[in-house]
Full PDB file with SEQRES, HELIX, SHEET, SSBOND, CRYST1, ORIGX, SCALE, CONECT and MASTER records, all heavy atoms in Angstrom:
SEQRES   1 A   43  SER GLY TYR ARG ARG TYR GLU ILE ALA ASP GLN ARG TRP          
SEQRES   2 A   43  GLY VAL ARG PRO GLU ILE ALA VAL VAL TYR VAL ASP GLY          
SEQRES   3 A   43  LEU ILE THR SER GLY GLU SER GLY GLY THR PRO PHE GLY          
SEQRES   4 A   43  THR THR GLN ILE                                              
HELIX    1 AA1 ALA A    9  GLN A   11  5                                   3    
CRYST1    1.000    1.000    1.000  90.00  90.00  90.00 P 1           1          
ORIGX1      1.000000  0.000000  0.000000        0.00000                         
ORIGX2      0.000000  1.000000  0.000000        0.00000                         
ORIGX3      0.000000  0.000000  1.000000        0.00000                         
SCALE1      1.000000  0.000000  0.000000        0.00000                         
SCALE2      0.000000  1.000000  0.000000        0.00000                         
SCALE3      0.000000  0.000000  1.000000        0.00000                         
ATOM      1  N   SER A   1       0.830  -1.223   0.021  1.00  0.00           N  
ATOM      2  CA  SER A   1      -0.015  -0.004   0.015  1.00  0.00           C  
ATOM      3  C   SER A   1       0.896   1.219   0.000  1.00  0.00           C  
ATOM      4  O   SER A   1       1.874   1.302   0.649  1.00  0.00           O  
ATOM      5  CB  SER A   1      -0.905  -0.013   1.249  1.00  0.00           C  
ATOM      6  OG  SER A   1      -1.661   1.197   1.325  1.00  0.00           O  
ATOM      7  N   GLY A   2       0.463   2.253  -0.794  1.00  0.00           N  
ATOM      8  CA  GLY A   2       1.228   3.525  -0.791  1.00  0.00           C  
ATOM      9  C   GLY A   2       2.423   3.479  -1.696  1.00  0.00           C  
ATOM     10  O   GLY A   2       2.594   2.562  -2.562  1.00  0.00           O  
ATOM     11  N   TYR A   3       3.294   4.512  -1.498  1.00  0.00           N  
ATOM     12  CA  TYR A   3       4.450   4.662  -2.375  1.00  0.00           C  
ATOM     13  C   TYR A   3       5.643   4.729  -1.515  1.00  0.00           C  
ATOM     14  O   TYR A   3       5.647   5.269  -0.424  1.00  0.00           O  
ATOM     15  CB  TYR A   3       4.342   5.888  -3.212  1.00  0.00           C  
ATOM     16  CG  TYR A   3       3.158   5.914  -4.146  1.00  0.00           C  
ATOM     17  CD1 TYR A   3       1.931   6.343  -3.771  1.00  0.00           C  
ATOM     18  CD2 TYR A   3       3.326   5.451  -5.436  1.00  0.00           C  
ATOM     19  CE1 TYR A   3       0.832   6.323  -4.628  1.00  0.00           C  
ATOM     20  CE2 TYR A   3       2.237   5.378  -6.375  1.00  0.00           C  
ATOM     21  CZ  TYR A   3       0.978   5.856  -5.910  1.00  0.00           C  
ATOM     22  OH  TYR A   3      -0.056   5.859  -6.750  1.00  0.00           O  
ATOM     23  N   ARG A   4       6.799   4.254  -2.030  1.00  0.00           N  
ATOM     24  CA  ARG A   4       8.038   4.359  -1.278  1.00  0.00           C  
ATOM     25  C   ARG A   4       9.168   4.860  -2.199  1.00  0.00           C  
ATOM     26  O   ARG A   4       9.327   4.324  -3.312  1.00  0.00           O  
ATOM     27  CB  ARG A   4       8.430   2.983  -0.703  1.00  0.00           C  
ATOM     28  CG  ARG A   4       9.646   2.953   0.174  1.00  0.00           C  
ATOM     29  CD  ARG A   4       9.796   1.691   0.846  1.00  0.00           C  
ATOM     30  NE  ARG A   4       9.981   0.567  -0.109  1.00  0.00           N  
ATOM     31  CZ  ARG A   4       9.981  -0.697   0.289  1.00  0.00           C  
ATOM     32  NH1 ARG A   4       9.802  -1.088   1.511  1.00  0.00           N  
ATOM     33  NH2 ARG A   4      10.144  -1.638  -0.664  1.00  0.00           N  
ATOM     34  N   ARG A   5       9.872   5.838  -1.748  1.00  0.00           N  
ATOM     35  CA  ARG A   5      10.981   6.359  -2.522  1.00  0.00           C  
ATOM     36  C   ARG A   5      12.162   5.404  -2.613  1.00  0.00           C  
ATOM     37  O   ARG A   5      12.406   4.701  -1.644  1.00  0.00           O  
ATOM     38  CB  ARG A   5      11.494   7.675  -1.928  1.00  0.00           C  
ATOM     39  CG  ARG A   5      10.703   8.925  -2.346  1.00  0.00           C  
ATOM     40  CD  ARG A   5      11.399  10.087  -1.688  1.00  0.00           C  
ATOM     41  NE  ARG A   5      10.903  11.349  -2.282  1.00  0.00           N  
ATOM     42  CZ  ARG A   5      11.380  11.880  -3.431  1.00  0.00           C  
ATOM     43  NH1 ARG A   5      12.313  11.243  -4.131  1.00  0.00           N  
ATOM     44  NH2 ARG A   5      10.784  12.988  -3.907  1.00  0.00           N  
ATOM     45  N   TYR A   6      12.877   5.392  -3.773  1.00  0.00           N  
ATOM     46  CA  TYR A   6      14.038   4.616  -3.873  1.00  0.00           C  
ATOM     47  C   TYR A   6      15.170   5.399  -3.193  1.00  0.00           C  
ATOM     48  O   TYR A   6      15.338   6.624  -3.491  1.00  0.00           O  
ATOM     49  CB  TYR A   6      14.362   4.401  -5.390  1.00  0.00           C  
ATOM     50  CG  TYR A   6      15.698   3.674  -5.557  1.00  0.00           C  
ATOM     51  CD1 TYR A   6      15.804   2.283  -5.348  1.00  0.00           C  
ATOM     52  CD2 TYR A   6      16.853   4.417  -5.941  1.00  0.00           C  
ATOM     53  CE1 TYR A   6      17.034   1.674  -5.529  1.00  0.00           C  
ATOM     54  CE2 TYR A   6      18.048   3.697  -6.104  1.00  0.00           C  
ATOM     55  CZ  TYR A   6      18.126   2.364  -5.942  1.00  0.00           C  
ATOM     56  OH  TYR A   6      19.296   1.719  -6.080  1.00  0.00           O  
ATOM     57  N   GLU A   7      15.888   4.794  -2.312  1.00  0.00           N  
ATOM     58  CA  GLU A   7      16.945   5.388  -1.544  1.00  0.00           C  
ATOM     59  C   GLU A   7      18.315   4.991  -2.059  1.00  0.00           C  
ATOM     60  O   GLU A   7      18.614   3.827  -2.238  1.00  0.00           O  
ATOM     61  CB  GLU A   7      16.910   5.127  -0.102  1.00  0.00           C  
ATOM     62  CG  GLU A   7      15.626   5.768   0.586  1.00  0.00           C  
ATOM     63  CD  GLU A   7      15.690   5.592   2.095  1.00  0.00           C  
ATOM     64  OE1 GLU A   7      16.747   5.072   2.577  1.00  0.00           O  
ATOM     65  OE2 GLU A   7      14.746   6.010   2.760  1.00  0.00           O  
ATOM     66  N   ILE A   8      19.174   5.946  -2.412  1.00  0.00           N  
ATOM     67  CA  ILE A   8      20.564   5.689  -2.796  1.00  0.00           C  
ATOM     68  C   ILE A   8      21.252   5.310  -1.548  1.00  0.00           C  
ATOM     69  O   ILE A   8      21.054   5.909  -0.472  1.00  0.00           O  
ATOM     70  CB  ILE A   8      21.218   6.894  -3.499  1.00  0.00           C  
ATOM     71  CG1 ILE A   8      20.360   7.247  -4.735  1.00  0.00           C  
ATOM     72  CG2 ILE A   8      22.644   6.577  -3.832  1.00  0.00           C  
ATOM     73  CD1 ILE A   8      20.801   8.552  -5.411  1.00  0.00           C  
ATOM     74  N   ALA A   9      22.164   4.314  -1.634  1.00  0.00           N  
ATOM     75  CA  ALA A   9      22.855   3.771  -0.465  1.00  0.00           C  
ATOM     76  C   ALA A   9      23.511   4.856   0.448  1.00  0.00           C  
ATOM     77  O   ALA A   9      23.353   4.883   1.641  1.00  0.00           O  
ATOM     78  CB  ALA A   9      23.863   2.746  -0.837  1.00  0.00           C  
ATOM     79  N   ASP A  10      24.229   5.821  -0.218  1.00  0.00           N  
ATOM     80  CA  ASP A  10      24.972   6.763   0.626  1.00  0.00           C  
ATOM     81  C   ASP A  10      24.066   7.830   1.212  1.00  0.00           C  
ATOM     82  O   ASP A  10      24.498   8.629   2.034  1.00  0.00           O  
ATOM     83  CB  ASP A  10      26.140   7.462  -0.172  1.00  0.00           C  
ATOM     84  CG  ASP A  10      25.612   8.214  -1.396  1.00  0.00           C  
ATOM     85  OD1 ASP A  10      24.352   8.306  -1.486  1.00  0.00           O  
ATOM     86  OD2 ASP A  10      26.428   8.666  -2.140  1.00  0.00           O  
ATOM     87  N   GLN A  11      22.745   7.809   0.832  1.00  0.00           N  
ATOM     88  CA  GLN A  11      21.849   8.740   1.527  1.00  0.00           C  
ATOM     89  C   GLN A  11      21.170   8.134   2.728  1.00  0.00           C  
ATOM     90  O   GLN A  11      20.416   8.840   3.402  1.00  0.00           O  
ATOM     91  CB  GLN A  11      20.739   9.131   0.477  1.00  0.00           C  
ATOM     92  CG  GLN A  11      21.271  10.009  -0.648  1.00  0.00           C  
ATOM     93  CD  GLN A  11      20.249  10.347  -1.672  1.00  0.00           C  
ATOM     94  OE1 GLN A  11      19.198   9.712  -1.710  1.00  0.00           O  
ATOM     95  NE2 GLN A  11      20.504  11.277  -2.565  1.00  0.00           N  
ATOM     96  N   ARG A  12      21.367   6.900   2.984  1.00  0.00           N  
ATOM     97  CA  ARG A  12      20.759   6.225   4.150  1.00  0.00           C  
ATOM     98  C   ARG A  12      21.441   6.639   5.429  1.00  0.00           C  
ATOM     99  O   ARG A  12      20.998   6.352   6.510  1.00  0.00           O  
ATOM    100  CB  ARG A  12      20.751   4.733   3.969  1.00  0.00           C  
ATOM    101  CG  ARG A  12      19.838   4.285   2.813  1.00  0.00           C  
ATOM    102  CD  ARG A  12      20.036   2.787   2.525  1.00  0.00           C  
ATOM    103  NE  ARG A  12      19.317   2.413   1.335  1.00  0.00           N  
ATOM    104  CZ  ARG A  12      19.497   1.282   0.707  1.00  0.00           C  
ATOM    105  NH1 ARG A  12      20.357   0.407   1.132  1.00  0.00           N  
ATOM    106  NH2 ARG A  12      18.802   0.988  -0.370  1.00  0.00           N  
ATOM    107  N   TRP A  13      22.617   7.249   5.319  1.00  0.00           N  
ATOM    108  CA  TRP A  13      23.403   7.573   6.502  1.00  0.00           C  
ATOM    109  C   TRP A  13      23.215   9.095   6.737  1.00  0.00           C  
ATOM    110  O   TRP A  13      23.169   9.879   5.877  1.00  0.00           O  
ATOM    111  CB  TRP A  13      24.910   7.318   6.303  1.00  0.00           C  
ATOM    112  CG  TRP A  13      25.110   5.836   6.130  1.00  0.00           C  
ATOM    113  CD1 TRP A  13      25.185   5.148   4.967  1.00  0.00           C  
ATOM    114  CD2 TRP A  13      25.320   4.870   7.182  1.00  0.00           C  
ATOM    115  NE1 TRP A  13      25.440   3.806   5.169  1.00  0.00           N  
ATOM    116  CE2 TRP A  13      25.470   3.602   6.498  1.00  0.00           C  
ATOM    117  CE3 TRP A  13      25.346   4.926   8.518  1.00  0.00           C  
ATOM    118  CZ2 TRP A  13      25.698   2.427   7.212  1.00  0.00           C  
ATOM    119  CZ3 TRP A  13      25.578   3.725   9.232  1.00  0.00           C  
ATOM    120  CH2 TRP A  13      25.766   2.463   8.597  1.00  0.00           C  
ATOM    121  N   GLY A  14      23.129   9.420   7.993  1.00  0.00           N  
ATOM    122  CA  GLY A  14      22.939  10.840   8.325  1.00  0.00           C  
ATOM    123  C   GLY A  14      21.502  11.369   8.152  1.00  0.00           C  
ATOM    124  O   GLY A  14      20.620  10.567   7.821  1.00  0.00           O  
ATOM    125  N   VAL A  15      21.301  12.627   8.377  1.00  0.00           N  
ATOM    126  CA  VAL A  15      19.992  13.203   8.248  1.00  0.00           C  
ATOM    127  C   VAL A  15      19.800  13.707   6.819  1.00  0.00           C  
ATOM    128  O   VAL A  15      20.563  14.584   6.339  1.00  0.00           O  
ATOM    129  CB  VAL A  15      19.820  14.376   9.294  1.00  0.00           C  
ATOM    130  CG1 VAL A  15      18.475  15.000   9.152  1.00  0.00           C  
ATOM    131  CG2 VAL A  15      20.055  13.896  10.669  1.00  0.00           C  
ATOM    132  N   ARG A  16      18.719  13.273   6.234  1.00  0.00           N  
ATOM    133  CA  ARG A  16      18.436  13.755   4.897  1.00  0.00           C  
ATOM    134  C   ARG A  16      17.691  15.070   4.845  1.00  0.00           C  
ATOM    135  O   ARG A  16      16.938  15.327   5.806  1.00  0.00           O  
ATOM    136  CB  ARG A  16      17.612  12.751   4.117  1.00  0.00           C  
ATOM    137  CG  ARG A  16      18.297  11.401   3.869  1.00  0.00           C  
ATOM    138  CD  ARG A  16      17.326  10.415   3.265  1.00  0.00           C  
ATOM    139  NE  ARG A  16      16.824  10.846   1.950  1.00  0.00           N  
ATOM    140  CZ  ARG A  16      15.847  10.208   1.267  1.00  0.00           C  
ATOM    141  NH1 ARG A  16      15.331   9.065   1.825  1.00  0.00           N  
ATOM    142  NH2 ARG A  16      15.392  10.676   0.103  1.00  0.00           N  
ATOM    143  N   PRO A  17      17.985  15.934   3.894  1.00  0.00           N  
ATOM    144  CA  PRO A  17      17.231  17.220   3.839  1.00  0.00           C  
ATOM    145  C   PRO A  17      15.714  16.966   3.690  1.00  0.00           C  
ATOM    146  O   PRO A  17      15.319  15.933   3.147  1.00  0.00           O  
ATOM    147  CB  PRO A  17      17.833  17.890   2.624  1.00  0.00           C  
ATOM    148  CG  PRO A  17      18.389  16.817   1.797  1.00  0.00           C  
ATOM    149  CD  PRO A  17      18.870  15.787   2.772  1.00  0.00           C  
ATOM    150  N   GLU A  18      14.943  17.905   4.102  1.00  0.00           N  
ATOM    151  CA  GLU A  18      13.536  17.725   4.198  1.00  0.00           C  
ATOM    152  C   GLU A  18      12.745  18.761   3.376  1.00  0.00           C  
ATOM    153  O   GLU A  18      13.092  19.914   3.449  1.00  0.00           O  
ATOM    154  CB  GLU A  18      13.076  17.823   5.708  1.00  0.00           C  
ATOM    155  CG  GLU A  18      11.593  17.681   5.939  1.00  0.00           C  
ATOM    156  CD  GLU A  18      11.265  17.818   7.387  1.00  0.00           C  
ATOM    157  OE1 GLU A  18      12.196  17.788   8.234  1.00  0.00           O  
ATOM    158  OE2 GLU A  18      10.077  18.053   7.722  1.00  0.00           O  
ATOM    159  N   ILE A  19      11.737  18.293   2.685  1.00  0.00           N  
ATOM    160  CA  ILE A  19      10.768  19.139   2.083  1.00  0.00           C  
ATOM    161  C   ILE A  19       9.498  18.966   2.944  1.00  0.00           C  
ATOM    162  O   ILE A  19       8.915  17.923   2.949  1.00  0.00           O  
ATOM    163  CB  ILE A  19      10.464  18.793   0.579  1.00  0.00           C  
ATOM    164  CG1 ILE A  19      11.687  18.829  -0.283  1.00  0.00           C  
ATOM    165  CG2 ILE A  19       9.375  19.734   0.059  1.00  0.00           C  
ATOM    166  CD1 ILE A  19      12.334  20.153  -0.465  1.00  0.00           C  
ATOM    167  N   ALA A  20       9.134  20.072   3.594  1.00  0.00           N  
ATOM    168  CA  ALA A  20       7.946  19.995   4.517  1.00  0.00           C  
ATOM    169  C   ALA A  20       6.732  20.262   3.763  1.00  0.00           C  
ATOM    170  O   ALA A  20       6.631  21.201   2.908  1.00  0.00           O  
ATOM    171  CB  ALA A  20       8.101  20.957   5.701  1.00  0.00           C  
ATOM    172  N   VAL A  21       5.652  19.542   4.050  1.00  0.00           N  
ATOM    173  CA  VAL A  21       4.336  19.740   3.458  1.00  0.00           C  
ATOM    174  C   VAL A  21       3.321  20.111   4.549  1.00  0.00           C  
ATOM    175  O   VAL A  21       3.248  19.394   5.510  1.00  0.00           O  
ATOM    176  CB  VAL A  21       3.847  18.497   2.687  1.00  0.00           C  
ATOM    177  CG1 VAL A  21       2.474  18.752   2.017  1.00  0.00           C  
ATOM    178  CG2 VAL A  21       4.883  18.023   1.704  1.00  0.00           C  
ATOM    179  N   VAL A  22       2.734  21.283   4.388  1.00  0.00           N  
ATOM    180  CA  VAL A  22       1.704  21.707   5.396  1.00  0.00           C  
ATOM    181  C   VAL A  22       0.392  21.824   4.640  1.00  0.00           C  
ATOM    182  O   VAL A  22       0.394  22.114   3.406  1.00  0.00           O  
ATOM    183  CB  VAL A  22       2.112  23.008   6.084  1.00  0.00           C  
ATOM    184  CG1 VAL A  22       3.363  22.877   6.919  1.00  0.00           C  
ATOM    185  CG2 VAL A  22       2.281  24.164   5.117  1.00  0.00           C  
ATOM    186  N   TYR A  23      -0.683  21.567   5.371  1.00  0.00           N  
ATOM    187  CA  TYR A  23      -1.997  21.583   4.751  1.00  0.00           C  
ATOM    188  C   TYR A  23      -2.907  22.661   5.223  1.00  0.00           C  
ATOM    189  O   TYR A  23      -2.961  22.958   6.488  1.00  0.00           O  
ATOM    190  CB  TYR A  23      -2.686  20.220   4.969  1.00  0.00           C  
ATOM    191  CG  TYR A  23      -1.976  19.086   4.279  1.00  0.00           C  
ATOM    192  CD1 TYR A  23      -0.879  18.414   4.865  1.00  0.00           C  
ATOM    193  CD2 TYR A  23      -2.370  18.628   3.025  1.00  0.00           C  
ATOM    194  CE1 TYR A  23      -0.268  17.373   4.268  1.00  0.00           C  
ATOM    195  CE2 TYR A  23      -1.735  17.579   2.414  1.00  0.00           C  
ATOM    196  CZ  TYR A  23      -0.705  16.958   2.986  1.00  0.00           C  
ATOM    197  OH  TYR A  23      -0.081  15.898   2.369  1.00  0.00           O  
ATOM    198  N   VAL A  24      -3.604  23.367   4.355  1.00  0.00           N  
ATOM    199  CA  VAL A  24      -4.666  24.221   4.668  1.00  0.00           C  
ATOM    200  C   VAL A  24      -5.957  23.569   4.156  1.00  0.00           C  
ATOM    201  O   VAL A  24      -6.261  23.671   2.950  1.00  0.00           O  
ATOM    202  CB  VAL A  24      -4.465  25.622   4.023  1.00  0.00           C  
ATOM    203  CG1 VAL A  24      -5.604  26.572   4.292  1.00  0.00           C  
ATOM    204  CG2 VAL A  24      -3.131  26.231   4.481  1.00  0.00           C  
ATOM    205  N   ASP A  25      -6.653  22.936   5.071  1.00  0.00           N  
ATOM    206  CA  ASP A  25      -7.854  22.127   4.680  1.00  0.00           C  
ATOM    207  C   ASP A  25      -9.078  22.762   5.258  1.00  0.00           C  
ATOM    208  O   ASP A  25      -9.061  23.188   6.486  1.00  0.00           O  
ATOM    209  CB  ASP A  25      -7.729  20.697   5.231  1.00  0.00           C  
ATOM    210  CG  ASP A  25      -6.858  19.872   4.302  1.00  0.00           C  
ATOM    211  OD1 ASP A  25      -6.722  20.166   3.132  1.00  0.00           O  
ATOM    212  OD2 ASP A  25      -6.335  18.812   4.777  1.00  0.00           O  
ATOM    213  N   GLY A  26     -10.139  22.814   4.500  1.00  0.00           N  
ATOM    214  CA  GLY A  26     -11.398  23.217   5.041  1.00  0.00           C  
ATOM    215  C   GLY A  26     -11.442  24.688   5.364  1.00  0.00           C  
ATOM    216  O   GLY A  26     -10.765  25.540   4.750  1.00  0.00           O  
ATOM    217  N   LEU A  27     -12.285  25.052   6.318  1.00  0.00           N  
ATOM    218  CA  LEU A  27     -12.459  26.456   6.714  1.00  0.00           C  
ATOM    219  C   LEU A  27     -11.223  27.068   7.346  1.00  0.00           C  
ATOM    220  O   LEU A  27     -10.474  26.316   8.093  1.00  0.00           O  
ATOM    221  CB  LEU A  27     -13.609  26.609   7.685  1.00  0.00           C  
ATOM    222  CG  LEU A  27     -15.077  26.266   7.209  1.00  0.00           C  
ATOM    223  CD1 LEU A  27     -16.042  26.468   8.345  1.00  0.00           C  
ATOM    224  CD2 LEU A  27     -15.410  27.127   6.013  1.00  0.00           C  
ATOM    225  N   ILE A  28     -10.990  28.297   7.053  1.00  0.00           N  
ATOM    226  CA  ILE A  28      -9.856  28.984   7.723  1.00  0.00           C  
ATOM    227  C   ILE A  28     -10.482  29.867   8.849  1.00  0.00           C  
ATOM    228  O   ILE A  28     -11.380  30.703   8.632  1.00  0.00           O  
ATOM    229  CB  ILE A  28      -9.140  29.890   6.796  1.00  0.00           C  
ATOM    230  CG1 ILE A  28      -8.425  29.030   5.687  1.00  0.00           C  
ATOM    231  CG2 ILE A  28      -8.102  30.779   7.426  1.00  0.00           C  
ATOM    232  CD1 ILE A  28      -7.816  29.861   4.585  1.00  0.00           C  
ATOM    233  N   THR A  29     -10.003  29.636  10.097  1.00  0.00           N  
ATOM    234  CA  THR A  29     -10.421  30.474  11.196  1.00  0.00           C  
ATOM    235  C   THR A  29      -9.178  31.148  11.855  1.00  0.00           C  
ATOM    236  O   THR A  29      -8.031  30.769  11.442  1.00  0.00           O  
ATOM    237  CB  THR A  29     -11.112  29.625  12.301  1.00  0.00           C  
ATOM    238  OG1 THR A  29     -10.176  28.724  12.892  1.00  0.00           O  
ATOM    239  CG2 THR A  29     -12.298  28.870  11.657  1.00  0.00           C  
ATOM    240  N   SER A  30      -9.431  32.006  12.721  1.00  0.00           N  
ATOM    241  CA  SER A  30      -8.255  32.740  13.373  1.00  0.00           C  
ATOM    242  C   SER A  30      -7.696  31.920  14.527  1.00  0.00           C  
ATOM    243  O   SER A  30      -6.606  32.348  15.011  1.00  0.00           O  
ATOM    244  CB  SER A  30      -8.659  34.124  13.783  1.00  0.00           C  
ATOM    245  OG  SER A  30      -9.799  34.027  14.619  1.00  0.00           O  
ATOM    246  N   GLY A  31      -8.362  30.936  14.978  1.00  0.00           N  
ATOM    247  CA  GLY A  31      -7.926  30.234  16.281  1.00  0.00           C  
ATOM    248  C   GLY A  31      -7.076  29.027  15.974  1.00  0.00           C  
ATOM    249  O   GLY A  31      -6.172  29.034  15.184  1.00  0.00           O  
ATOM    250  N   GLU A  32      -7.487  27.854  16.641  1.00  0.00           N  
ATOM    251  CA  GLU A  32      -6.742  26.699  16.523  1.00  0.00           C  
ATOM    252  C   GLU A  32      -7.361  25.689  15.499  1.00  0.00           C  
ATOM    253  O   GLU A  32      -8.612  25.784  15.264  1.00  0.00           O  
ATOM    254  CB  GLU A  32      -6.619  25.917  17.889  1.00  0.00           C  
ATOM    255  CG  GLU A  32      -5.839  26.767  18.874  1.00  0.00           C  
ATOM    256  CD  GLU A  32      -5.659  26.019  20.173  1.00  0.00           C  
ATOM    257  OE1 GLU A  32      -6.268  24.964  20.325  1.00  0.00           O  
ATOM    258  OE2 GLU A  32      -4.889  26.513  21.048  1.00  0.00           O  
ATOM    259  N   SER A  33      -6.587  24.807  14.957  1.00  0.00           N  
ATOM    260  CA  SER A  33      -7.063  23.835  13.992  1.00  0.00           C  
ATOM    261  C   SER A  33      -7.819  22.682  14.713  1.00  0.00           C  
ATOM    262  O   SER A  33      -7.617  22.450  15.896  1.00  0.00           O  
ATOM    263  CB  SER A  33      -5.909  23.196  13.165  1.00  0.00           C  
ATOM    264  OG  SER A  33      -5.226  24.207  12.486  1.00  0.00           O  
ATOM    265  N   GLY A  34      -8.657  22.024  14.021  1.00  0.00           N  
ATOM    266  CA  GLY A  34      -9.474  20.908  14.571  1.00  0.00           C  
ATOM    267  C   GLY A  34     -10.486  20.458  13.567  1.00  0.00           C  
ATOM    268  O   GLY A  34     -10.369  20.626  12.353  1.00  0.00           O  
ATOM    269  N   GLY A  35     -11.566  19.882  14.089  1.00  0.00           N  
ATOM    270  CA  GLY A  35     -12.665  19.382  13.286  1.00  0.00           C  
ATOM    271  C   GLY A  35     -13.967  19.993  13.734  1.00  0.00           C  
ATOM    272  O   GLY A  35     -14.103  20.418  14.898  1.00  0.00           O  
ATOM    273  N   THR A  36     -14.921  20.025  12.868  1.00  0.00           N  
ATOM    274  CA  THR A  36     -16.237  20.531  13.221  1.00  0.00           C  
ATOM    275  C   THR A  36     -17.026  19.472  14.043  1.00  0.00           C  
ATOM    276  O   THR A  36     -16.662  18.332  14.017  1.00  0.00           O  
ATOM    277  CB  THR A  36     -17.120  20.892  12.009  1.00  0.00           C  
ATOM    278  OG1 THR A  36     -17.260  19.740  11.258  1.00  0.00           O  
ATOM    279  CG2 THR A  36     -16.369  21.908  11.139  1.00  0.00           C  
ATOM    280  N   PRO A  37     -18.006  19.870  14.764  1.00  0.00           N  
ATOM    281  CA  PRO A  37     -18.723  18.896  15.618  1.00  0.00           C  
ATOM    282  C   PRO A  37     -19.342  17.730  14.877  1.00  0.00           C  
ATOM    283  O   PRO A  37     -19.377  16.614  15.384  1.00  0.00           O  
ATOM    284  CB  PRO A  37     -19.844  19.794  16.253  1.00  0.00           C  
ATOM    285  CG  PRO A  37     -19.350  21.116  16.316  1.00  0.00           C  
ATOM    286  CD  PRO A  37     -18.459  21.234  15.034  1.00  0.00           C  
ATOM    287  N   PHE A  38     -19.757  17.953  13.636  1.00  0.00           N  
ATOM    288  CA  PHE A  38     -20.339  16.865  12.859  1.00  0.00           C  
ATOM    289  C   PHE A  38     -19.304  16.053  12.167  1.00  0.00           C  
ATOM    290  O   PHE A  38     -19.607  15.080  11.502  1.00  0.00           O  
ATOM    291  CB  PHE A  38     -21.371  17.456  11.861  1.00  0.00           C  
ATOM    292  CG  PHE A  38     -22.665  17.875  12.404  1.00  0.00           C  
ATOM    293  CD1 PHE A  38     -23.642  18.430  11.599  1.00  0.00           C  
ATOM    294  CD2 PHE A  38     -22.864  17.790  13.772  1.00  0.00           C  
ATOM    295  CE1 PHE A  38     -24.834  18.871  12.190  1.00  0.00           C  
ATOM    296  CE2 PHE A  38     -24.077  18.257  14.357  1.00  0.00           C  
ATOM    297  CZ  PHE A  38     -25.038  18.766  13.562  1.00  0.00           C  
ATOM    298  N   GLY A  39     -18.057  16.394  12.273  1.00  0.00           N  
ATOM    299  CA  GLY A  39     -16.984  15.675  11.699  1.00  0.00           C  
ATOM    300  C   GLY A  39     -16.872  15.672  10.158  1.00  0.00           C  
ATOM    301  O   GLY A  39     -16.239  14.846   9.577  1.00  0.00           O  
ATOM    302  N   THR A  40     -17.615  16.585   9.532  1.00  0.00           N  
ATOM    303  CA  THR A  40     -17.593  16.609   8.035  1.00  0.00           C  
ATOM    304  C   THR A  40     -16.612  17.653   7.471  1.00  0.00           C  
ATOM    305  O   THR A  40     -16.332  17.615   6.271  1.00  0.00           O  
ATOM    306  CB  THR A  40     -18.984  16.996   7.537  1.00  0.00           C  
ATOM    307  OG1 THR A  40     -19.338  18.266   8.048  1.00  0.00           O  
ATOM    308  CG2 THR A  40     -20.022  15.975   8.014  1.00  0.00           C  
ATOM    309  N   THR A  41     -16.094  18.491   8.282  1.00  0.00           N  
ATOM    310  CA  THR A  41     -15.255  19.577   7.799  1.00  0.00           C  
ATOM    311  C   THR A  41     -14.024  19.761   8.690  1.00  0.00           C  
ATOM    312  O   THR A  41     -14.143  19.757   9.923  1.00  0.00           O  
ATOM    313  CB  THR A  41     -15.993  20.948   7.719  1.00  0.00           C  
ATOM    314  OG1 THR A  41     -17.180  20.777   6.932  1.00  0.00           O  
ATOM    315  CG2 THR A  41     -15.182  22.027   7.119  1.00  0.00           C  
ATOM    316  N   GLN A  42     -12.849  19.936   8.059  1.00  0.00           N  
ATOM    317  CA  GLN A  42     -11.653  20.239   8.789  1.00  0.00           C  
ATOM    318  C   GLN A  42     -11.512  21.717   8.961  1.00  0.00           C  
ATOM    319  O   GLN A  42     -11.959  22.515   8.124  1.00  0.00           O  
ATOM    320  CB  GLN A  42     -10.426  19.625   8.011  1.00  0.00           C  
ATOM    321  CG  GLN A  42      -9.067  19.955   8.692  1.00  0.00           C  
ATOM    322  CD  GLN A  42      -8.912  19.262  10.021  1.00  0.00           C  
ATOM    323  OE1 GLN A  42      -9.478  18.168  10.217  1.00  0.00           O  
ATOM    324  NE2 GLN A  42      -8.122  19.796  10.904  1.00  0.00           N  
ATOM    325  N   ILE A  43     -11.045  22.099  10.115  1.00  0.00           N  
ATOM    326  CA  ILE A  43     -10.781  23.523  10.407  1.00  0.00           C  
ATOM    327  C   ILE A  43      -9.275  23.792  10.389  1.00  0.00           C  
ATOM    328  O   ILE A  43      -8.497  23.073  11.086  1.00  0.00           O  
ATOM    329  CB  ILE A  43     -11.353  23.954  11.743  1.00  0.00           C  
ATOM    330  CG1 ILE A  43     -12.864  23.713  11.779  1.00  0.00           C  
ATOM    331  CG2 ILE A  43     -11.001  25.361  12.080  1.00  0.00           C  
ATOM    332  CD1 ILE A  43     -13.669  24.748  10.983  1.00  0.00           C  
TER     333      ILE A  43                                                      
MASTER        0    0    0    1    0    0    0    6  332    1    0    4          
END                                                                             
């Protein structure tokens, strides 16, 4: 299930650089993220 990247041997040592992915899902509010009471929408 899912996908897996092919890793070059010399990249398995040490800390690899990171591309961070952040999500803006559903309604945008000014407070904290979470879910709506009915569970149908992400905040």
